[in-house]
Amino acid sequence: CSFACTAAFIYKKKRKLSGAIVGLFCGWGCMVLVMLLWNYLITPIYMG
């Protein structure tokens, strides 16, 4: 969701090629940051 929903939200606001590219790059960056946080929080629990 951090990747795909971010990309789709931005593209929905600007339905052009540039909107799709910006959305995908923002989704990429959002996923990286979000997963660093959640890996820090959750990985110790489910990976032991």
ModelCIF file with pLDDT and N, C-alpha, C, O atoms, coordinates in Angstrom:
data_MODEL
#
_entry.id   MODEL 
#
_entity.id                         1 
_entity.type                       polymer 
_entity.pdbx_number_of_molecules   1 
#
_entity_poly.entity_id                      1 
_entity_poly.type                           'polypeptide(L)' 
_entity_poly.nstd_linkage                   no 
_entity_poly.nstd_monomer                   no 
_entity_poly.pdbx_seq_one_letter_code       CSFACTAAFIYKKKRKLSGAIVGLFCGWGCMVLVMLLWNYLITPIYMG 
_entity_poly.pdbx_seq_one_letter_code_can   CSFACTAAFIYKKKRKLSGAIVGLFCGWGCMVLVMLLWNYLITPIYMG 
_entity_poly.pdbx_strand_id                 A 
#
loop_
_entity_poly_seq.entity_id 
_entity_poly_seq.num 
_entity_poly_seq.mon_id 
_entity_poly_seq.hetero 
1 1  CYS n 
1 2  SER n 
1 3  PHE n 
1 4  ALA n 
1 5  CYS n 
1 6  THR n 
1 7  ALA n 
1 8  ALA n 
1 9  PHE n 
1 10 ILE n 
1 11 TYR n 
1 12 LYS n 
1 13 LYS n 
1 14 LYS n 
1 15 ARG n 
1 16 LYS n 
1 17 LEU n 
1 18 SER n 
1 19 GLY n 
1 20 ALA n 
1 21 ILE n 
1 22 VAL n 
1 23 GLY n 
1 24 LEU n 
1 25 PHE n 
1 26 CYS n 
1 27 GLY n 
1 28 TRP n 
1 29 GLY n 
1 30 CYS n 
1 31 MET n 
1 32 VAL n 
1 33 LEU n 
1 34 VAL n 
1 35 MET n 
1 36 LEU n 
1 37 LEU n 
1 38 TRP n 
1 39 ASN n 
1 40 TYR n 
1 41 LEU n 
1 42 ILE n 
1 43 THR n 
1 44 PRO n 
1 45 ILE n 
1 46 TYR n 
1 47 MET n 
1 48 GLY n 
#
_struct_asym.id          A 
_struct_asym.entity_id   1 
#
loop_
_ma_qa_metric.id 
_ma_qa_metric.mode 
_ma_qa_metric.name 
_ma_qa_metric.software_group_id 
_ma_qa_metric.type 
1 global pLDDT . pLDDT 
2 local  pLDDT . pLDDT 
#
_ma_qa_metric_global.metric_id      1 
_ma_qa_metric_global.metric_value   93.29 
_ma_qa_metric_global.model_id       1 
_ma_qa_metric_global.ordinal_id     1 
#
loop_
_ma_qa_metric_local.label_asym_id 
_ma_qa_metric_local.label_comp_id 
_ma_qa_metric_local.label_seq_id 
_ma_qa_metric_local.metric_id 
_ma_qa_metric_local.metric_value 
_ma_qa_metric_local.model_id 
_ma_qa_metric_local.ordinal_id 
A CYS 1  2 97.00 1 1  
A SER 2  2 97.00 1 2  
A PHE 3  2 98.00 1 3  
A ALA 4  2 97.00 1 4  
A CYS 5  2 97.00 1 5  
A THR 6  2 97.00 1 6  
A ALA 7  2 97.00 1 7  
A ALA 8  2 96.00 1 8  
A PHE 9  2 97.00 1 9  
A ILE 10 2 96.00 1 10 
A TYR 11 2 95.00 1 11 
A LYS 12 2 93.00 1 12 
A LYS 13 2 92.00 1 13 
A LYS 14 2 89.00 1 14 
A ARG 15 2 88.00 1 15 
A LYS 16 2 87.00 1 16 
A LEU 17 2 85.00 1 17 
A SER 18 2 87.00 1 18 
A GLY 19 2 91.00 1 19 
A ALA 20 2 91.00 1 20 
A ILE 21 2 92.00 1 21 
A VAL 22 2 95.00 1 22 
A GLY 23 2 96.00 1 23 
A LEU 24 2 96.00 1 24 
A PHE 25 2 96.00 1 25 
A CYS 26 2 97.00 1 26 
A GLY 27 2 97.00 1 27 
A TRP 28 2 97.00 1 28 
A GLY 29 2 97.00 1 29 
A CYS 30 2 97.00 1 30 
A MET 31 2 97.00 1 31 
A VAL 32 2 97.00 1 32 
A LEU 33 2 97.00 1 33 
A VAL 34 2 97.00 1 34 
A MET 35 2 96.00 1 35 
A LEU 36 2 95.00 1 36 
A LEU 37 2 96.00 1 37 
A TRP 38 2 95.00 1 38 
A ASN 39 2 94.00 1 39 
A TYR 40 2 94.00 1 40 
A LEU 41 2 93.00 1 41 
A ILE 42 2 92.00 1 42 
A THR 43 2 89.00 1 43 
A PRO 44 2 90.00 1 44 
A ILE 45 2 88.00 1 45 
A TYR 46 2 80.00 1 46 
A MET 47 2 79.00 1 47 
A GLY 48 2 82.00 1 48 
#
loop_
_atom_site.group_PDB 
_atom_site.id 
_atom_site.type_symbol 
_atom_site.label_atom_id 
_atom_site.label_alt_id 
_atom_site.label_comp_id 
_atom_site.label_asym_id 
_atom_site.label_entity_id 
_atom_site.label_seq_id 
_atom_site.pdbx_PDB_ins_code 
_atom_site.Cartn_x 
_atom_site.Cartn_y 
_atom_site.Cartn_z 
_atom_site.occupancy 
_atom_site.B_iso_or_equiv 
_atom_site.pdbx_formal_charge 
_atom_site.auth_seq_id 
_atom_site.auth_comp_id 
_atom_site.auth_asym_id 
_atom_site.auth_atom_id 
_atom_site.pdbx_PDB_model_num 
ATOM 1   N N  . CYS A 1 1  ? 0.812  -1.214  0.000   1.00 97.00 ? 1  CYS A N  1 
ATOM 2   C CA . CYS A 1 1  ? 0.000  0.000   0.000   1.00 97.00 ? 1  CYS A CA 1 
ATOM 3   C C  . CYS A 1 1  ? 0.847  1.267   0.000   1.00 97.00 ? 1  CYS A C  1 
ATOM 4   O O  . CYS A 1 1  ? 0.492  2.254   -0.645  1.00 97.00 ? 1  CYS A O  1 
ATOM 5   N N  . SER A 1 2  ? 1.963  1.243   0.720   1.00 97.00 ? 2  SER A N  1 
ATOM 6   C CA . SER A 1 2  ? 2.809  2.435   0.743   1.00 97.00 ? 2  SER A CA 1 
ATOM 7   C C  . SER A 1 2  ? 3.345  2.746   -0.649  1.00 97.00 ? 2  SER A C  1 
ATOM 8   O O  . SER A 1 2  ? 3.538  3.910   -0.999  1.00 97.00 ? 2  SER A O  1 
ATOM 9   N N  . PHE A 1 3  ? 3.585  1.703   -1.441  1.00 98.00 ? 3  PHE A N  1 
ATOM 10  C CA . PHE A 1 3  ? 4.038  1.913   -2.818  1.00 98.00 ? 3  PHE A CA 1 
ATOM 11  C C  . PHE A 1 3  ? 2.873  2.209   -3.763  1.00 98.00 ? 3  PHE A C  1 
ATOM 12  O O  . PHE A 1 3  ? 2.839  3.256   -4.411  1.00 98.00 ? 3  PHE A O  1 
ATOM 13  N N  . ALA A 1 4  ? 1.925  1.282   -3.833  1.00 97.00 ? 4  ALA A N  1 
ATOM 14  C CA . ALA A 1 4  ? 0.887  1.349   -4.863  1.00 97.00 ? 4  ALA A CA 1 
ATOM 15  C C  . ALA A 1 4  ? -0.154 2.435   -4.584  1.00 97.00 ? 4  ALA A C  1 
ATOM 16  O O  . ALA A 1 4  ? -0.557 3.148   -5.503  1.00 97.00 ? 4  ALA A O  1 
ATOM 17  N N  . CYS A 1 5  ? -0.591 2.569   -3.340  1.00 97.00 ? 5  CYS A N  1 
ATOM 18  C CA . CYS A 1 5  ? -1.607 3.569   -3.024  1.00 97.00 ? 5  CYS A CA 1 
ATOM 19  C C  . CYS A 1 5  ? -1.065 4.987   -3.182  1.00 97.00 ? 5  CYS A C  1 
ATOM 20  O O  . CYS A 1 5  ? -1.781 5.884   -3.628  1.00 97.00 ? 5  CYS A O  1 
ATOM 21  N N  . THR A 1 6  ? 0.195  5.187   -2.819  1.00 97.00 ? 6  THR A N  1 
ATOM 22  C CA . THR A 1 6  ? 0.818  6.500   -3.010  1.00 97.00 ? 6  THR A CA 1 
ATOM 23  C C  . THR A 1 6  ? 0.881  6.856   -4.488  1.00 97.00 ? 6  THR A C  1 
ATOM 24  O O  . THR A 1 6  ? 0.525  7.966   -4.884  1.00 97.00 ? 6  THR A O  1 
ATOM 25  N N  . ALA A 1 7  ? 1.337  5.906   -5.301  1.00 97.00 ? 7  ALA A N  1 
ATOM 26  C CA . ALA A 1 7  ? 1.419  6.139   -6.746  1.00 97.00 ? 7  ALA A CA 1 
ATOM 27  C C  . ALA A 1 7  ? 0.042  6.424   -7.334  1.00 97.00 ? 7  ALA A C  1 
ATOM 28  O O  . ALA A 1 7  ? -0.113 7.345   -8.135  1.00 97.00 ? 7  ALA A O  1 
ATOM 29  N N  . ALA A 1 8  ? -0.961 5.635   -6.939  1.00 96.00 ? 8  ALA A N  1 
ATOM 30  C CA . ALA A 1 8  ? -2.315 5.800   -7.475  1.00 96.00 ? 8  ALA A CA 1 
ATOM 31  C C  . ALA A 1 8  ? -2.940 7.118   -7.039  1.00 96.00 ? 8  ALA A C  1 
ATOM 32  O O  . ALA A 1 8  ? -3.649 7.759   -7.814  1.00 96.00 ? 8  ALA A O  1 
ATOM 33  N N  . PHE A 1 9  ? -2.678 7.524   -5.800  1.00 97.00 ? 9  PHE A N  1 
ATOM 34  C CA . PHE A 1 9  ? -3.237 8.788   -5.292  1.00 97.00 ? 9  PHE A CA 1 
ATOM 35  C C  . PHE A 1 9  ? -2.698 9.978   -6.076  1.00 97.00 ? 9  PHE A C  1 
ATOM 36  O O  . PHE A 1 9  ? -3.459 10.866  -6.462  1.00 97.00 ? 9  PHE A O  1 
ATOM 37  N N  . ILE A 1 10 ? -1.394 9.999   -6.309  1.00 96.00 ? 10 ILE A N  1 
ATOM 38  C CA . ILE A 1 10 ? -0.788 11.105  -7.048  1.00 96.00 ? 10 ILE A CA 1 
ATOM 39  C C  . ILE A 1 10 ? -1.253 11.104  -8.495  1.00 96.00 ? 10 ILE A C  1 
ATOM 40  O O  . ILE A 1 10 ? -1.538 12.156  -9.066  1.00 96.00 ? 10 ILE A O  1 
ATOM 41  N N  . TYR A 1 11 ? -1.327 9.907   -9.089  1.00 95.00 ? 11 TYR A N  1 
ATOM 42  C CA . TYR A 1 11 ? -1.771 9.807   -10.483 1.00 95.00 ? 11 TYR A CA 1 
ATOM 43  C C  . TYR A 1 11 ? -3.234 10.232  -10.629 1.00 95.00 ? 11 TYR A C  1 
ATOM 44  O O  . TYR A 1 11 ? -3.618 10.800  -11.651 1.00 95.00 ? 11 TYR A O  1 
ATOM 45  N N  . LYS A 1 12 ? -4.043 9.960   -9.612  1.00 93.00 ? 12 LYS A N  1 
ATOM 46  C CA . LYS A 1 12 ? -5.454 10.359  -9.649  1.00 93.00 ? 12 LYS A CA 1 
ATOM 47  C C  . LYS A 1 12 ? -5.585 11.880  -9.718  1.00 93.00 ? 12 LYS A C  1 
ATOM 48  O O  . LYS A 1 12 ? -6.519 12.405  -10.323 1.00 93.00 ? 12 LYS A O  1 
ATOM 49  N N  . LYS A 1 13 ? -4.629 12.584  -9.086  1.00 92.00 ? 13 LYS A N  1 
ATOM 50  C CA . LYS A 1 13 ? -4.656 14.043  -9.084  1.00 92.00 ? 13 LYS A CA 1 
ATOM 51  C C  . LYS A 1 13 ? -4.135 14.627  -10.402 1.00 92.00 ? 13 LYS A C  1 
ATOM 52  O O  . LYS A 1 13 ? -4.510 15.731  -10.797 1.00 92.00 ? 13 LYS A O  1 
ATOM 53  N N  . LYS A 1 14 ? -3.278 13.876  -11.064 1.00 89.00 ? 14 LYS A N  1 
ATOM 54  C CA . LYS A 1 14 ? -2.691 14.359  -12.315 1.00 89.00 ? 14 LYS A CA 1 
ATOM 55  C C  . LYS A 1 14 ? -2.586 13.195  -13.296 1.00 89.00 ? 14 LYS A C  1 
ATOM 56  O O  . LYS A 1 14 ? -1.571 12.501  -13.346 1.00 89.00 ? 14 LYS A O  1 
ATOM 57  N N  . ARG A 1 15 ? -3.647 12.992  -14.073 1.00 88.00 ? 15 ARG A N  1 
ATOM 58  C CA . ARG A 1 15 ? -3.732 11.823  -14.938 1.00 88.00 ? 15 ARG A CA 1 
ATOM 59  C C  . ARG A 1 15 ? -3.014 12.076  -16.262 1.00 88.00 ? 15 ARG A C  1 
ATOM 60  O O  . ARG A 1 15 ? -3.624 12.133  -17.330 1.00 88.00 ? 15 ARG A O  1 
ATOM 61  N N  . LYS A 1 16 ? -1.716 12.224  -16.151 1.00 87.00 ? 16 LYS A N  1 
ATOM 62  C CA . LYS A 1 16 ? -0.842 12.381  -17.306 1.00 87.00 ? 16 LYS A CA 1 
ATOM 63  C C  . LYS A 1 16 ? 0.373  11.488  -17.106 1.00 87.00 ? 16 LYS A C  1 
ATOM 64  O O  . LYS A 1 16 ? 0.567  10.917  -16.033 1.00 87.00 ? 16 LYS A O  1 
ATOM 65  N N  . LEU A 1 17 ? 1.183  11.374  -18.139 1.00 85.00 ? 17 LEU A N  1 
ATOM 66  C CA . LEU A 1 17 ? 2.399  10.576  -18.038 1.00 85.00 ? 17 LEU A CA 1 
ATOM 67  C C  . LEU A 1 17 ? 3.277  11.066  -16.902 1.00 85.00 ? 17 LEU A C  1 
ATOM 68  O O  . LEU A 1 17 ? 3.817  10.265  -16.139 1.00 85.00 ? 17 LEU A O  1 
ATOM 69  N N  . SER A 1 18 ? 3.421  12.378  -16.786 1.00 87.00 ? 18 SER A N  1 
ATOM 70  C CA . SER A 1 18 ? 4.249  12.932  -15.719 1.00 87.00 ? 18 SER A CA 1 
ATOM 71  C C  . SER A 1 18 ? 3.679  12.575  -14.343 1.00 87.00 ? 18 SER A C  1 
ATOM 72  O O  . SER A 1 18 ? 4.434  12.318  -13.405 1.00 87.00 ? 18 SER A O  1 
ATOM 73  N N  . GLY A 1 19 ? 2.350  12.558  -14.226 1.00 91.00 ? 19 GLY A N  1 
ATOM 74  C CA . GLY A 1 19 ? 1.716  12.192  -12.963 1.00 91.00 ? 19 GLY A CA 1 
ATOM 75  C C  . GLY A 1 19 ? 1.984  10.749  -12.591 1.00 91.00 ? 19 GLY A C  1 
ATOM 76  O O  . GLY A 1 19 ? 2.205  10.436  -11.421 1.00 91.00 ? 19 GLY A O  1 
ATOM 77  N N  . ALA A 1 20 ? 1.967  9.861   -13.588 1.00 91.00 ? 20 ALA A N  1 
ATOM 78  C CA . ALA A 1 20 ? 2.251  8.451   -13.336 1.00 91.00 ? 20 ALA A CA 1 
ATOM 79  C C  . ALA A 1 20 ? 3.695  8.259   -12.880 1.00 91.00 ? 20 ALA A C  1 
ATOM 80  O O  . ALA A 1 20 ? 3.962  7.512   -11.939 1.00 91.00 ? 20 ALA A O  1 
ATOM 81  N N  . ILE A 1 21 ? 4.620  8.937   -13.551 1.00 92.00 ? 21 ILE A N  1 
ATOM 82  C CA . ILE A 1 21 ? 6.035  8.794   -13.203 1.00 92.00 ? 21 ILE A CA 1 
ATOM 83  C C  . ILE A 1 21 ? 6.311  9.355   -11.816 1.00 92.00 ? 21 ILE A C  1 
ATOM 84  O O  . ILE A 1 21 ? 6.971  8.712   -10.999 1.00 92.00 ? 21 ILE A O  1 
ATOM 85  N N  . VAL A 1 22 ? 5.798  10.568  -11.551 1.00 95.00 ? 22 VAL A N  1 
ATOM 86  C CA . VAL A 1 22 ? 5.992  11.175  -10.227 1.00 95.00 ? 22 VAL A CA 1 
ATOM 87  C C  . VAL A 1 22 ? 5.361  10.290  -9.154  1.00 95.00 ? 22 VAL A C  1 
ATOM 88  O O  . VAL A 1 22 ? 5.945  10.087  -8.089  1.00 95.00 ? 22 VAL A O  1 
ATOM 89  N N  . GLY A 1 23 ? 4.174  9.768   -9.433  1.00 96.00 ? 23 GLY A N  1 
ATOM 90  C CA . GLY A 1 23 ? 3.497  8.911   -8.473  1.00 96.00 ? 23 GLY A CA 1 
ATOM 91  C C  . GLY A 1 23 ? 4.292  7.659   -8.156  1.00 96.00 ? 23 GLY A C  1 
ATOM 92  O O  . GLY A 1 23 ? 4.402  7.268   -6.993  1.00 96.00 ? 23 GLY A O  1 
ATOM 93  N N  . LEU A 1 24 ? 4.847  7.026   -9.182  1.00 96.00 ? 24 LEU A N  1 
ATOM 94  C CA . LEU A 1 24 ? 5.625  5.804   -8.965  1.00 96.00 ? 24 LEU A CA 1 
ATOM 95  C C  . LEU A 1 24 ? 6.915  6.080   -8.206  1.00 96.00 ? 24 LEU A C  1 
ATOM 96  O O  . LEU A 1 24 ? 7.313  5.296   -7.344  1.00 96.00 ? 24 LEU A O  1 
ATOM 97  N N  . PHE A 1 25 ? 7.567  7.193   -8.524  1.00 96.00 ? 25 PHE A N  1 
ATOM 98  C CA . PHE A 1 25 ? 8.786  7.536   -7.787  1.00 96.00 ? 25 PHE A CA 1 
ATOM 99  C C  . PHE A 1 25 ? 8.467  7.887   -6.330  1.00 96.00 ? 25 PHE A C  1 
ATOM 100 O O  . PHE A 1 25 ? 9.208  7.510   -5.423  1.00 96.00 ? 25 PHE A O  1 
ATOM 101 N N  . CYS A 1 26 ? 7.363  8.608   -6.108  1.00 97.00 ? 26 CYS A N  1 
ATOM 102 C CA . CYS A 1 26 ? 6.971  8.924   -4.729  1.00 97.00 ? 26 CYS A CA 1 
ATOM 103 C C  . CYS A 1 26 ? 6.575  7.662   -3.977  1.00 97.00 ? 26 CYS A C  1 
ATOM 104 O O  . CYS A 1 26 ? 6.886  7.513   -2.795  1.00 97.00 ? 26 CYS A O  1 
ATOM 105 N N  . GLY A 1 27 ? 5.883  6.745   -4.670  1.00 97.00 ? 27 GLY A N  1 
ATOM 106 C CA . GLY A 1 27 ? 5.533  5.474   -4.057  1.00 97.00 ? 27 GLY A CA 1 
ATOM 107 C C  . GLY A 1 27 ? 6.770  4.675   -3.682  1.00 97.00 ? 27 GLY A C  1 
ATOM 108 O O  . GLY A 1 27 ? 6.825  4.048   -2.624  1.00 97.00 ? 27 GLY A O  1 
ATOM 109 N N  . TRP A 1 28 ? 7.748  4.706   -4.554  1.00 97.00 ? 28 TRP A N  1 
ATOM 110 C CA . TRP A 1 28 ? 9.029  4.035   -4.294  1.00 97.00 ? 28 TRP A CA 1 
ATOM 111 C C  . TRP A 1 28 ? 9.683  4.599   -3.031  1.00 97.00 ? 28 TRP A C  1 
ATOM 112 O O  . TRP A 1 28 ? 10.065 3.849   -2.132  1.00 97.00 ? 28 TRP A O  1 
ATOM 113 N N  . GLY A 1 29 ? 9.806  5.915   -2.972  1.00 97.00 ? 29 GLY A N  1 
ATOM 114 C CA . GLY A 1 29 ? 10.426 6.544   -1.816  1.00 97.00 ? 29 GLY A CA 1 
ATOM 115 C C  . GLY A 1 29 ? 9.634  6.331   -0.539  1.00 97.00 ? 29 GLY A C  1 
ATOM 116 O O  . GLY A 1 29 ? 10.213 6.093   0.521   1.00 97.00 ? 29 GLY A O  1 
ATOM 117 N N  . CYS A 1 30 ? 8.317  6.415   -0.633  1.00 97.00 ? 30 CYS A N  1 
ATOM 118 C CA . CYS A 1 30 ? 7.464  6.207   0.535   1.00 97.00 ? 30 CYS A CA 1 
ATOM 119 C C  . CYS A 1 30 ? 7.622  4.793   1.075   1.00 97.00 ? 30 CYS A C  1 
ATOM 120 O O  . CYS A 1 30 ? 7.720  4.594   2.286   1.00 97.00 ? 30 CYS A O  1 
ATOM 121 N N  . MET A 1 31 ? 7.645  3.815   0.182   1.00 97.00 ? 31 MET A N  1 
ATOM 122 C CA . MET A 1 31 ? 7.785  2.426   0.614   1.00 97.00 ? 31 MET A CA 1 
ATOM 123 C C  . MET A 1 31 ? 9.113  2.197   1.331   1.00 97.00 ? 31 MET A C  1 
ATOM 124 O O  . MET A 1 31 ? 9.160  1.507   2.349   1.00 97.00 ? 31 MET A O  1 
ATOM 125 N N  . VAL A 1 32 ? 10.181 2.767   0.807   1.00 97.00 ? 32 VAL A N  1 
ATOM 126 C CA . VAL A 1 32 ? 11.505 2.595   1.419   1.00 97.00 ? 32 VAL A CA 1 
ATOM 127 C C  . VAL A 1 32 ? 11.502 3.133   2.846   1.00 97.00 ? 32 VAL A C  1 
ATOM 128 O O  . VAL A 1 32 ? 11.964 2.463   3.770   1.00 97.00 ? 32 VAL A O  1 
ATOM 129 N N  . LEU A 1 33 ? 10.978 4.345   3.020   1.00 97.00 ? 33 LEU A N  1 
ATOM 130 C CA . LEU A 1 33 ? 10.973 4.965   4.351   1.00 97.00 ? 33 LEU A CA 1 
ATOM 131 C C  . LEU A 1 33 ? 10.035 4.232   5.312   1.00 97.00 ? 33 LEU A C  1 
ATOM 132 O O  . LEU A 1 33 ? 10.386 3.970   6.462   1.00 97.00 ? 33 LEU A O  1 
ATOM 133 N N  . VAL A 1 34 ? 8.851  3.912   4.824   1.00 97.00 ? 34 VAL A N  1 
ATOM 134 C CA . VAL A 1 34 ? 7.868  3.238   5.676   1.00 97.00 ? 34 VAL A CA 1 
ATOM 135 C C  . VAL A 1 34 ? 8.376  1.870   6.121   1.00 97.00 ? 34 VAL A C  1 
ATOM 136 O O  . VAL A 1 34 ? 8.216  1.489   7.281   1.00 97.00 ? 34 VAL A O  1 
ATOM 137 N N  . MET A 1 35 ? 8.988  1.137   5.197   1.00 96.00 ? 35 MET A N  1 
ATOM 138 C CA . MET A 1 35 ? 9.421  -0.219  5.543   1.00 96.00 ? 35 MET A CA 1 
ATOM 139 C C  . MET A 1 35 ? 10.646 -0.217  6.450   1.00 96.00 ? 35 MET A C  1 
ATOM 140 O O  . MET A 1 35 ? 10.836 -1.157  7.221   1.00 96.00 ? 35 MET A O  1 
ATOM 141 N N  . LEU A 1 36 ? 11.468 0.803   6.377   1.00 95.00 ? 36 LEU A N  1 
ATOM 142 C CA . LEU A 1 36 ? 12.565 0.913   7.344   1.00 95.00 ? 36 LEU A CA 1 
ATOM 143 C C  . LEU A 1 36 ? 12.007 1.037   8.762   1.00 95.00 ? 36 LEU A C  1 
ATOM 144 O O  . LEU A 1 36 ? 12.499 0.405   9.697   1.00 95.00 ? 36 LEU A O  1 
ATOM 145 N N  . LEU A 1 37 ? 10.965 1.868   8.902   1.00 96.00 ? 37 LEU A N  1 
ATOM 146 C CA . LEU A 1 37 ? 10.340 2.040   10.208  1.00 96.00 ? 37 LEU A CA 1 
ATOM 147 C C  . LEU A 1 37 ? 9.692  0.736   10.683  1.00 96.00 ? 37 LEU A C  1 
ATOM 148 O O  . LEU A 1 37 ? 9.884  0.319   11.825  1.00 96.00 ? 37 LEU A O  1 
ATOM 149 N N  . TRP A 1 38 ? 8.925  0.098   9.797   1.00 95.00 ? 38 TRP A N  1 
ATOM 150 C CA . TRP A 1 38 ? 8.202  -1.110  10.202  1.00 95.00 ? 38 TRP A CA 1 
ATOM 151 C C  . TRP A 1 38 ? 9.125  -2.310  10.372  1.00 95.00 ? 38 TRP A C  1 
ATOM 152 O O  . TRP A 1 38 ? 8.848  -3.189  11.188  1.00 95.00 ? 38 TRP A O  1 
ATOM 153 N N  . ASN A 1 39 ? 10.203 -2.361  9.624   1.00 94.00 ? 39 ASN A N  1 
ATOM 154 C CA . ASN A 1 39 ? 11.185 -3.420  9.869   1.00 94.00 ? 39 ASN A CA 1 
ATOM 155 C C  . ASN A 1 39 ? 11.811 -3.253  11.254  1.00 94.00 ? 39 ASN A C  1 
ATOM 156 O O  . ASN A 1 39 ? 12.070 -4.233  11.952  1.00 94.00 ? 39 ASN A O  1 
ATOM 157 N N  . TYR A 1 40 ? 12.048 -2.013  11.635  1.00 94.00 ? 40 TYR A N  1 
ATOM 158 C CA . TYR A 1 40 ? 12.592 -1.750  12.969  1.00 94.00 ? 40 TYR A CA 1 
ATOM 159 C C  . TYR A 1 40 ? 11.602 -2.175  14.063  1.00 94.00 ? 40 TYR A C  1 
ATOM 160 O O  . TYR A 1 40 ? 12.001 -2.704  15.100  1.00 94.00 ? 40 TYR A O  1 
ATOM 161 N N  . LEU A 1 41 ? 10.306 -1.935  13.817  1.00 93.00 ? 41 LEU A N  1 
ATOM 162 C CA . LEU A 1 41 ? 9.297  -2.216  14.827  1.00 93.00 ? 41 LEU A CA 1 
ATOM 163 C C  . LEU A 1 41 ? 8.893  -3.695  14.879  1.00 93.00 ? 41 LEU A C  1 
ATOM 164 O O  . LEU A 1 41 ? 8.743  -4.266  15.959  1.00 93.00 ? 41 LEU A O  1 
ATOM 165 N N  . ILE A 1 42 ? 8.719  -4.311  13.699  1.00 92.00 ? 42 ILE A N  1 
ATOM 166 C CA . ILE A 1 42 ? 8.074  -5.626  13.634  1.00 92.00 ? 42 ILE A CA 1 
ATOM 167 C C  . ILE A 1 42 ? 9.042  -6.780  13.445  1.00 92.00 ? 42 ILE A C  1 
ATOM 168 O O  . ILE A 1 42 ? 8.812  -7.862  13.984  1.00 92.00 ? 42 ILE A O  1 
ATOM 169 N N  . THR A 1 43 ? 10.118 -6.582  12.693  1.00 89.00 ? 43 THR A N  1 
ATOM 170 C CA . THR A 1 43 ? 11.030 -7.690  12.387  1.00 89.00 ? 43 THR A CA 1 
ATOM 171 C C  . THR A 1 43 ? 11.553 -8.409  13.635  1.00 89.00 ? 43 THR A C  1 
ATOM 172 O O  . THR A 1 43 ? 11.625 -9.638  13.630  1.00 89.00 ? 43 THR A O  1 
ATOM 173 N N  . PRO A 1 44 ? 11.918 -7.695  14.698  1.00 90.00 ? 44 PRO A N  1 
ATOM 174 C CA . PRO A 1 44 ? 12.373 -8.416  15.903  1.00 90.00 ? 44 PRO A CA 1 
ATOM 175 C C  . PRO A 1 44 ? 11.322 -9.378  16.456  1.00 90.00 ? 44 PRO A C  1 
ATOM 176 O O  . PRO A 1 44 ? 11.659 -10.385 17.078  1.00 90.00 ? 44 PRO A O  1 
ATOM 177 N N  . ILE A 1 45 ? 10.032 -9.058  16.222  1.00 88.00 ? 45 ILE A N  1 
ATOM 178 C CA . ILE A 1 45 ? 8.957  -9.891  16.758  1.00 88.00 ? 45 ILE A CA 1 
ATOM 179 C C  . ILE A 1 45 ? 8.755  -11.137 15.899  1.00 88.00 ? 45 ILE A C  1 
ATOM 180 O O  . ILE A 1 45 ? 8.784  -12.257 16.408  1.00 88.00 ? 45 ILE A O  1 
ATOM 181 N N  . TYR A 1 46 ? 8.546  -10.937 14.579  1.00 80.00 ? 46 TYR A N  1 
ATOM 182 C CA . TYR A 1 46 ? 8.170  -12.094 13.767  1.00 80.00 ? 46 TYR A CA 1 
ATOM 183 C C  . TYR A 1 46 ? 9.364  -12.892 13.244  1.00 80.00 ? 46 TYR A C  1 
ATOM 184 O O  . TYR A 1 46 ? 9.193  -14.017 12.774  1.00 80.00 ? 46 TYR A O  1 
ATOM 185 N N  . MET A 1 47 ? 10.573 -12.325 13.320  1.00 79.00 ? 47 MET A N  1 
ATOM 186 C CA . MET A 1 47 ? 11.751 -13.100 12.924  1.00 79.00 ? 47 MET A CA 1 
ATOM 187 C C  . MET A 1 47 ? 12.531 -13.609 14.138  1.00 79.00 ? 47 MET A C  1 
ATOM 188 O O  . MET A 1 47 ? 13.444 -14.422 13.995  1.00 79.00 ? 47 MET A O  1 
ATOM 189 N N  . GLY A 1 48 ? 12.173 -13.132 15.325  1.00 82.00 ? 48 GLY A N  1 
ATOM 190 C CA . GLY A 1 48 ? 12.880 -13.562 16.525  1.00 82.00 ? 48 GLY A CA 1 
ATOM 191 C C  . GLY A 1 48 ? 14.281 -13.009 16.634  1.00 82.00 ? 48 GLY A C  1 
ATOM 192 O O  . GLY A 1 48 ? 14.985 -13.297 17.602  1.00 82.00 ? 48 GLY A O  1 
#
